[in-house]
């Protein structure tokens, strides 16, 4: 898991560097960073969706996943609970956008071809190239996020470690557990969620992206049911 450890450390380092920069950045430049991050989310998200849509065996599954997942997330009020938790930690709510920034960062770090395929390839082939590449990108991204939102962006690091660690362990236990088809579906759904984050950062639409998180479980459940039915 050396690749995942390196990736996690780069987010910690980047967040610290960005937090130091945070004190000297004027509001107008921070607003520019919001816009840049929003556009980056749109680009990365759309690339994930378009790049994997042709690989989908069930073209309607991502629609069902987003719909069902969002309904479940809204019922659980994941976004509201998360925002409340973050506001309690952010000195009287001064960092009003911290919840949005942290949720967006977690999605960007965790939902992507490099972040998801990297630990699988590392587990199966011992090749950490994808993870090292992703670590380099996350180093820059985390510095930008922390310079905008502050030091609490460092909380995304343990989330990334657990996420990639899960893929690594599952791939080690069973090389067939994470198929190419399931990976494609997860990347499509995740890409849409990143696009939603971009729209929120650009202040075009508050999509409450965290409420969509259960959507990632729908493809997994579908493939498990399919596998059980085939037995």
C-alpha atoms as a PDB file:
ATOM      1  CA  UNK A   1       0.000   0.000   0.000  1.00  0.00           C
ATOM      2  CA  UNK A   2       3.007   2.272  -0.401  1.00  0.00           C
ATOM      3  CA  UNK A   3       1.292   4.120  -3.263  1.00  0.00           C
ATOM      4  CA  UNK A   4      -1.763   4.925  -1.146  1.00  0.00           C
ATOM      5  CA  UNK A   5       0.426   6.049   1.761  1.00  0.00           C
ATOM      6  CA  UNK A   6       2.339   8.400  -0.558  1.00  0.00           C
ATOM      7  CA  UNK A   7      -0.925   9.736  -1.984  1.00  0.00           C
ATOM      8  CA  UNK A   8      -2.281  10.396   1.523  1.00  0.00           C
ATOM      9  CA  UNK A   9       0.914  12.175   2.588  1.00  0.00           C
ATOM     10  CA  UNK A  10       0.836  14.495  -0.435  1.00  0.00           C
ATOM     11  CA  UNK A  11      -2.643  15.688   0.559  1.00  0.00           C
ATOM     12  CA  UNK A  12      -1.431  16.383   4.101  1.00  0.00           C
ATOM     13  CA  UNK A  13       1.611  18.296   2.842  1.00  0.00           C
ATOM     14  CA  UNK A  14      -0.398  20.174   0.235  1.00  0.00           C
ATOM     15  CA  UNK A  15      -3.051  21.143   2.776  1.00  0.00           C
ATOM     16  CA  UNK A  16      -0.434  22.508   5.180  1.00  0.00           C
ATOM     17  CA  UNK A  17       1.251  24.528   2.438  1.00  0.00           C
ATOM     18  CA  UNK A  18      -2.095  25.816   1.209  1.00  0.00           C
ATOM     19  CA  UNK A  19      -3.207  26.765   4.718  1.00  0.00           C
ATOM     20  CA  UNK A  20      -0.070  28.895   5.122  1.00  0.00           C
ATOM     21  CA  UNK A  21      -0.816  30.594   1.800  1.00  0.00           C
ATOM     22  CA  UNK A  22      -4.411  31.145   2.920  1.00  0.00           C
ATOM     23  CA  UNK A  23      -3.506  34.035   5.230  1.00  0.00           C
ATOM     24  CA  UNK A  24      -2.035  36.169   2.485  1.00  0.00           C
ATOM     25  CA  UNK A  25      -4.620  35.685  -0.252  1.00  0.00           C
ATOM     26  CA  UNK A  26      -7.148  38.459  -0.826  1.00  0.00           C
ATOM     27  CA  UNK A  27     -10.848  37.730  -1.207  1.00  0.00           C
ATOM     28  CA  UNK A  28     -10.883  38.559  -4.907  1.00  0.00           C
ATOM     29  CA  UNK A  29      -8.223  35.938  -5.548  1.00  0.00           C
ATOM     30  CA  UNK A  30     -10.084  33.397  -3.435  1.00  0.00           C
ATOM     31  CA  UNK A  31     -13.159  34.029  -5.571  1.00  0.00           C
ATOM     32  CA  UNK A  32     -11.028  33.358  -8.631  1.00  0.00           C
ATOM     33  CA  UNK A  33      -9.922  30.073  -7.085  1.00  0.00           C
ATOM     34  CA  UNK A  34     -13.566  29.099  -6.517  1.00  0.00           C
ATOM     35  CA  UNK A  35     -14.180  29.623 -10.224  1.00  0.00           C
ATOM     36  CA  UNK A  36     -11.066  27.693 -11.253  1.00  0.00           C
ATOM     37  CA  UNK A  37     -11.968  24.774  -8.980  1.00  0.00           C
ATOM     38  CA  UNK A  38     -15.518  24.784 -10.302  1.00  0.00           C
ATOM     39  CA  UNK A  39     -14.349  24.628 -13.912  1.00  0.00           C
ATOM     40  CA  UNK A  40     -11.851  21.904 -13.007  1.00  0.00           C
ATOM     41  CA  UNK A  41     -14.652  19.857 -11.447  1.00  0.00           C
ATOM     42  CA  UNK A  42     -16.747  20.188 -14.598  1.00  0.00           C
ATOM     43  CA  UNK A  43     -13.836  19.093 -16.793  1.00  0.00           C
ATOM     44  CA  UNK A  44     -12.801  16.135 -14.638  1.00  0.00           C
ATOM     45  CA  UNK A  45     -16.370  14.999 -14.052  1.00  0.00           C
ATOM     46  CA  UNK A  46     -17.427  15.187 -17.692  1.00  0.00           C
ATOM     47  CA  UNK A  47     -14.258  13.361 -18.743  1.00  0.00           C
ATOM     48  CA  UNK A  48     -15.063  10.509 -16.330  1.00  0.00           C
ATOM     49  CA  UNK A  49     -18.645  10.262 -17.603  1.00  0.00           C
ATOM     50  CA  UNK A  50     -17.885  10.487 -21.329  1.00  0.00           C
ATOM     51  CA  UNK A  51     -14.793   8.293 -21.102  1.00  0.00           C
ATOM     52  CA  UNK A  52     -16.670   5.436 -19.424  1.00  0.00           C
ATOM     53  CA  UNK A  53     -20.189   5.713 -20.843  1.00  0.00           C
ATOM     54  CA  UNK A  54     -19.303   3.557 -23.819  1.00  0.00           C
ATOM     55  CA  UNK A  55     -18.057   0.839 -21.458  1.00  0.00           C
ATOM     56  CA  UNK A  56     -21.342   0.649 -19.558  1.00  0.00           C
ATOM     57  CA  UNK A  57     -23.319  -2.582 -19.947  1.00  0.00           C
ATOM     58  CA  UNK A  58     -26.385  -0.936 -18.427  1.00  0.00           C
ATOM     59  CA  UNK A  59     -26.769   2.605 -19.881  1.00  0.00           C
ATOM     60  CA  UNK A  60     -29.735   3.385 -17.607  1.00  0.00           C
ATOM     61  CA  UNK A  61     -28.069   2.217 -14.382  1.00  0.00           C
ATOM     62  CA  UNK A  62     -26.379   5.561 -13.679  1.00  0.00           C
ATOM     63  CA  UNK A  63     -29.746   7.352 -13.860  1.00  0.00           C
ATOM     64  CA  UNK A  64     -31.300   4.893 -11.422  1.00  0.00           C
ATOM     65  CA  UNK A  65     -28.229   5.148  -9.195  1.00  0.00           C
ATOM     66  CA  UNK A  66     -28.299   8.952  -8.993  1.00  0.00           C
ATOM     67  CA  UNK A  67     -32.079   9.025  -8.474  1.00  0.00           C
ATOM     68  CA  UNK A  68     -32.258   6.323  -5.796  1.00  0.00           C
ATOM     69  CA  UNK A  69     -29.046   7.433  -4.082  1.00  0.00           C
ATOM     70  CA  UNK A  70     -30.123  11.081  -3.947  1.00  0.00           C
ATOM     71  CA  UNK A  71     -33.500  10.184  -2.476  1.00  0.00           C
ATOM     72  CA  UNK A  72     -31.839   8.071   0.234  1.00  0.00           C
ATOM     73  CA  UNK A  73     -29.237  10.767   0.921  1.00  0.00           C
ATOM     74  CA  UNK A  74     -31.895  13.465   1.147  1.00  0.00           C
ATOM     75  CA  UNK A  75     -33.953  11.345   3.533  1.00  0.00           C
ATOM     76  CA  UNK A  76     -30.871  10.879   5.707  1.00  0.00           C
ATOM     77  CA  UNK A  77     -29.969  14.584   5.306  1.00  0.00           C
ATOM     78  CA  UNK A  78     -26.294  13.734   4.814  1.00  0.00           C
ATOM     79  CA  UNK A  79     -25.471  17.194   3.467  1.00  0.00           C
ATOM     80  CA  UNK A  80     -27.211  18.988   6.334  1.00  0.00           C
ATOM     81  CA  UNK A  81     -25.628  16.826   9.031  1.00  0.00           C
ATOM     82  CA  UNK A  82     -22.181  17.183   7.474  1.00  0.00           C
ATOM     83  CA  UNK A  83     -22.520  20.974   7.181  1.00  0.00           C
ATOM     84  CA  UNK A  84     -23.629  21.181  10.823  1.00  0.00           C
ATOM     85  CA  UNK A  85     -20.669  19.070  11.952  1.00  0.00           C
ATOM     86  CA  UNK A  86     -18.182  21.172  10.000  1.00  0.00           C
ATOM     87  CA  UNK A  87     -19.669  24.481  11.157  1.00  0.00           C
ATOM     88  CA  UNK A  88     -19.174  23.414  14.782  1.00  0.00           C
ATOM     89  CA  UNK A  89     -15.476  22.824  14.085  1.00  0.00           C
ATOM     90  CA  UNK A  90     -14.904  26.038  12.132  1.00  0.00           C
ATOM     91  CA  UNK A  91     -14.733  28.721  14.842  1.00  0.00           C
ATOM     92  CA  UNK A  92     -18.230  30.066  14.934  1.00  0.00           C
ATOM     93  CA  UNK A  93     -19.001  29.360  11.292  1.00  0.00           C
ATOM     94  CA  UNK A  94     -16.427  31.767   9.822  1.00  0.00           C
ATOM     95  CA  UNK A  95     -15.600  29.189   7.164  1.00  0.00           C
ATOM     96  CA  UNK A  96     -19.117  29.028   5.792  1.00  0.00           C
ATOM     97  CA  UNK A  97     -18.033  27.289   2.587  1.00  0.00           C
ATOM     98  CA  UNK A  98     -15.807  24.723   4.297  1.00  0.00           C
ATOM     99  CA  UNK A  99     -18.350  21.903   4.051  1.00  0.00           C
ATOM    100  CA  UNK A 100     -18.746  22.458   0.310  1.00  0.00           C
ATOM    101  CA  UNK A 101     -14.991  22.627  -0.171  1.00  0.00           C
ATOM    102  CA  UNK A 102     -14.254  19.504   1.876  1.00  0.00           C
ATOM    103  CA  UNK A 103     -16.973  17.437   0.208  1.00  0.00           C
ATOM    104  CA  UNK A 104     -15.759  18.552  -3.226  1.00  0.00           C
ATOM    105  CA  UNK A 105     -12.145  17.760  -2.347  1.00  0.00           C
ATOM    106  CA  UNK A 106     -13.066  14.292  -1.079  1.00  0.00           C
ATOM    107  CA  UNK A 107     -14.931  13.568  -4.301  1.00  0.00           C
ATOM    108  CA  UNK A 108     -12.066  14.846  -6.455  1.00  0.00           C
ATOM    109  CA  UNK A 109      -9.490  12.839  -4.523  1.00  0.00           C
ATOM    110  CA  UNK A 110     -11.526   9.626  -4.341  1.00  0.00           C
ATOM    111  CA  UNK A 111     -13.660   9.496  -7.489  1.00  0.00           C
ATOM    112  CA  UNK A 112     -11.480   9.244 -10.524  1.00  0.00           C
ATOM    113  CA  UNK A 113      -9.738   6.692 -12.746  1.00  0.00           C
ATOM    114  CA  UNK A 114      -6.362   7.106 -11.033  1.00  0.00           C
ATOM    115  CA  UNK A 115      -7.714   7.042  -7.474  1.00  0.00           C
ATOM    116  CA  UNK A 116      -9.935   4.007  -8.049  1.00  0.00           C
ATOM    117  CA  UNK A 117      -7.900   1.958 -10.508  1.00  0.00           C
ATOM    118  CA  UNK A 118      -4.584   2.831  -8.851  1.00  0.00           C
ATOM    119  CA  UNK A 119      -4.987   0.731  -5.680  1.00  0.00           C
ATOM    120  CA  UNK A 120      -6.453  -2.160  -7.700  1.00  0.00           C
ATOM    121  CA  UNK A 121      -3.475  -2.236 -10.075  1.00  0.00           C
ATOM    122  CA  UNK A 122      -1.140  -1.834  -7.106  1.00  0.00           C
ATOM    123  CA  UNK A 123      -2.715  -4.838  -5.363  1.00  0.00           C
ATOM    124  CA  UNK A 124      -2.841  -7.088  -8.417  1.00  0.00           C
ATOM    125  CA  UNK A 125       0.377  -6.135 -10.224  1.00  0.00           C
ATOM    126  CA  UNK A 126       2.474  -4.264  -7.661  1.00  0.00           C
ATOM    127  CA  UNK A 127       2.559  -1.243  -9.991  1.00  0.00           C
ATOM    128  CA  UNK A 128       2.130   2.115  -8.193  1.00  0.00           C
ATOM    129  CA  UNK A 129       2.484   4.323 -11.278  1.00  0.00           C
ATOM    130  CA  UNK A 130      -1.182   5.382 -11.251  1.00  0.00           C
ATOM    131  CA  UNK A 131      -1.054   6.192  -7.540  1.00  0.00           C
ATOM    132  CA  UNK A 132       2.166   8.207  -7.818  1.00  0.00           C
ATOM    133  CA  UNK A 133       0.661  10.181 -10.699  1.00  0.00           C
ATOM    134  CA  UNK A 134      -2.490  10.771  -8.688  1.00  0.00           C
ATOM    135  CA  UNK A 135      -0.384  11.824  -5.686  1.00  0.00           C
ATOM    136  CA  UNK A 136       1.309  14.511  -7.772  1.00  0.00           C
ATOM    137  CA  UNK A 137      -2.045  15.885  -8.918  1.00  0.00           C
ATOM    138  CA  UNK A 138      -3.473  15.768  -5.377  1.00  0.00           C
ATOM    139  CA  UNK A 139      -0.463  17.652  -4.008  1.00  0.00           C
ATOM    140  CA  UNK A 140      -1.271  20.633  -6.208  1.00  0.00           C
ATOM    141  CA  UNK A 141      -5.040  20.322  -5.778  1.00  0.00           C
ATOM    142  CA  UNK A 142      -4.882  20.077  -1.978  1.00  0.00           C
ATOM    143  CA  UNK A 143      -2.697  23.184  -1.796  1.00  0.00           C
ATOM    144  CA  UNK A 144      -5.252  25.111  -3.868  1.00  0.00           C
ATOM    145  CA  UNK A 145      -8.169  23.842  -1.780  1.00  0.00           C
ATOM    146  CA  UNK A 146      -6.468  24.621   1.537  1.00  0.00           C
ATOM    147  CA  UNK A 147      -5.416  28.084   0.365  1.00  0.00           C
ATOM    148  CA  UNK A 148      -9.096  28.711  -0.293  1.00  0.00           C
ATOM    149  CA  UNK A 149     -10.842  26.879   2.553  1.00  0.00           C
ATOM    150  CA  UNK A 150      -8.170  26.521   5.253  1.00  0.00           C
ATOM    151  CA  UNK A 151      -6.346  23.810   7.195  1.00  0.00           C
ATOM    152  CA  UNK A 152      -9.450  21.677   7.823  1.00  0.00           C
ATOM    153  CA  UNK A 153      -9.102  20.439   4.234  1.00  0.00           C
ATOM    154  CA  UNK A 154      -6.514  18.051   5.683  1.00  0.00           C
ATOM    155  CA  UNK A 155      -9.464  15.901   6.865  1.00  0.00           C
ATOM    156  CA  UNK A 156      -9.752  14.607   3.303  1.00  0.00           C
ATOM    157  CA  UNK A 157      -6.465  12.681   3.734  1.00  0.00           C
ATOM    158  CA  UNK A 158      -7.761   9.889   6.044  1.00  0.00           C
ATOM    159  CA  UNK A 159     -10.871   9.571   3.881  1.00  0.00           C
ATOM    160  CA  UNK A 160      -8.695   8.971   0.825  1.00  0.00           C
ATOM    161  CA  UNK A 161      -6.577   6.429   2.730  1.00  0.00           C
ATOM    162  CA  UNK A 162      -9.659   4.425   3.792  1.00  0.00           C
ATOM    163  CA  UNK A 163     -11.195   4.643   0.306  1.00  0.00           C
ATOM    164  CA  UNK A 164      -8.112   3.472  -1.568  1.00  0.00           C
ATOM    165  CA  UNK A 165      -7.338   0.968   1.170  1.00  0.00           C
ATOM    166  CA  UNK A 166     -10.766  -0.595   0.641  1.00  0.00           C
ATOM    167  CA  UNK A 167     -10.116  -1.075  -3.072  1.00  0.00           C
ATOM    168  CA  UNK A 168      -6.661  -2.457  -2.318  1.00  0.00           C
ATOM    169  CA  UNK A 169      -7.893  -5.002   0.224  1.00  0.00           C
ATOM    170  CA  UNK A 170     -10.836  -6.150  -1.908  1.00  0.00           C
ATOM    171  CA  UNK A 171      -8.555  -6.571  -4.935  1.00  0.00           C
ATOM    172  CA  UNK A 172      -6.107  -8.568  -2.817  1.00  0.00           C
ATOM    173  CA  UNK A 173      -8.848 -10.824  -1.461  1.00  0.00           C
ATOM    174  CA  UNK A 174     -10.548 -11.417  -4.798  1.00  0.00           C
ATOM    175  CA  UNK A 175      -9.256 -10.252  -8.153  1.00  0.00           C
ATOM    176  CA  UNK A 176     -12.747 -10.741  -9.622  1.00  0.00           C
ATOM    177  CA  UNK A 177     -14.605  -8.711  -6.996  1.00  0.00           C
ATOM    178  CA  UNK A 178     -14.071  -5.413  -8.822  1.00  0.00           C
ATOM    179  CA  UNK A 179     -14.842  -6.009 -12.488  1.00  0.00           C
ATOM    180  CA  UNK A 180     -14.221  -3.567 -15.320  1.00  0.00           C
ATOM    181  CA  UNK A 181     -17.986  -3.215 -15.740  1.00  0.00           C
ATOM    182  CA  UNK A 182     -18.534  -2.238 -12.105  1.00  0.00           C
ATOM    183  CA  UNK A 183     -15.613   0.183 -12.243  1.00  0.00           C
ATOM    184  CA  UNK A 184     -17.109   1.861 -15.320  1.00  0.00           C
ATOM    185  CA  UNK A 185     -20.483   2.312 -13.603  1.00  0.00           C
ATOM    186  CA  UNK A 186     -18.852   3.776 -10.492  1.00  0.00           C
ATOM    187  CA  UNK A 187     -16.810   6.211 -12.575  1.00  0.00           C
ATOM    188  CA  UNK A 188     -19.898   7.397 -14.474  1.00  0.00           C
ATOM    189  CA  UNK A 189     -21.863   8.007 -11.268  1.00  0.00           C
ATOM    190  CA  UNK A 190     -18.836   9.566  -9.576  1.00  0.00           C
ATOM    191  CA  UNK A 191     -18.198  11.779 -12.590  1.00  0.00           C
ATOM    192  CA  UNK A 192     -21.735  13.147 -12.408  1.00  0.00           C
ATOM    193  CA  UNK A 193     -21.241  13.882  -8.729  1.00  0.00           C
ATOM    194  CA  UNK A 194     -18.049  15.818  -9.497  1.00  0.00           C
ATOM    195  CA  UNK A 195     -19.954  17.817 -12.133  1.00  0.00           C
ATOM    196  CA  UNK A 196     -22.583  18.588  -9.489  1.00  0.00           C
ATOM    197  CA  UNK A 197     -19.818  19.850  -7.198  1.00  0.00           C
ATOM    198  CA  UNK A 198     -18.537  22.066  -9.989  1.00  0.00           C
ATOM    199  CA  UNK A 199     -21.971  23.619 -10.461  1.00  0.00           C
ATOM    200  CA  UNK A 200     -22.109  24.355  -6.730  1.00  0.00           C
ATOM    201  CA  UNK A 201     -18.661  25.983  -6.724  1.00  0.00           C
ATOM    202  CA  UNK A 202     -19.634  28.137  -9.703  1.00  0.00           C
ATOM    203  CA  UNK A 203     -22.798  29.122  -7.798  1.00  0.00           C
ATOM    204  CA  UNK A 204     -24.970  27.956 -10.667  1.00  0.00           C
ATOM    205  CA  UNK A 205     -26.877  25.335  -8.666  1.00  0.00           C
ATOM    206  CA  UNK A 206     -26.574  24.011  -5.116  1.00  0.00           C
ATOM    207  CA  UNK A 207     -26.818  20.296  -5.893  1.00  0.00           C
ATOM    208  CA  UNK A 208     -26.152  19.173  -2.298  1.00  0.00           C
ATOM    209  CA  UNK A 209     -23.649  16.666  -3.630  1.00  0.00           C
ATOM    210  CA  UNK A 210     -23.181  14.841  -0.325  1.00  0.00           C
ATOM    211  CA  UNK A 211     -26.798  13.686  -0.498  1.00  0.00           C
ATOM    212  CA  UNK A 212     -25.797  11.840  -3.680  1.00  0.00           C
ATOM    213  CA  UNK A 213     -23.139   9.698  -1.958  1.00  0.00           C
ATOM    214  CA  UNK A 214     -25.452   6.656  -1.538  1.00  0.00           C
ATOM    215  CA  UNK A 215     -25.630   6.612  -5.351  1.00  0.00           C
ATOM    216  CA  UNK A 216     -22.213   4.912  -5.380  1.00  0.00           C
ATOM    217  CA  UNK A 217     -23.704   1.917  -3.547  1.00  0.00           C
ATOM    218  CA  UNK A 218     -26.443   1.282  -6.107  1.00  0.00           C
ATOM    219  CA  UNK A 219     -24.160  -0.152  -8.850  1.00  0.00           C
ATOM    220  CA  UNK A 220     -22.426  -2.312  -6.232  1.00  0.00           C
ATOM    221  CA  UNK A 221     -25.749  -3.689  -4.995  1.00  0.00           C
ATOM    222  CA  UNK A 222     -26.882  -4.297  -8.579  1.00  0.00           C
ATOM    223  CA  UNK A 223     -23.779  -6.296  -9.457  1.00  0.00           C
ATOM    224  CA  UNK A 224     -24.029  -8.313  -6.223  1.00  0.00           C
ATOM    225  CA  UNK A 225     -27.671  -9.197  -7.023  1.00  0.00           C
ATOM    226  CA  UNK A 226     -26.651 -10.101 -10.558  1.00  0.00           C
ATOM    227  CA  UNK A 227     -23.867 -12.362  -9.287  1.00  0.00           C
ATOM    228  CA  UNK A 228     -26.136 -14.095  -6.750  1.00  0.00           C
ATOM    229  CA  UNK A 229     -28.842 -14.636  -9.382  1.00  0.00           C
ATOM    230  CA  UNK A 230     -26.324 -16.263 -11.680  1.00  0.00           C
ATOM    231  CA  UNK A 231     -25.398 -18.888  -9.081  1.00  0.00           C
END
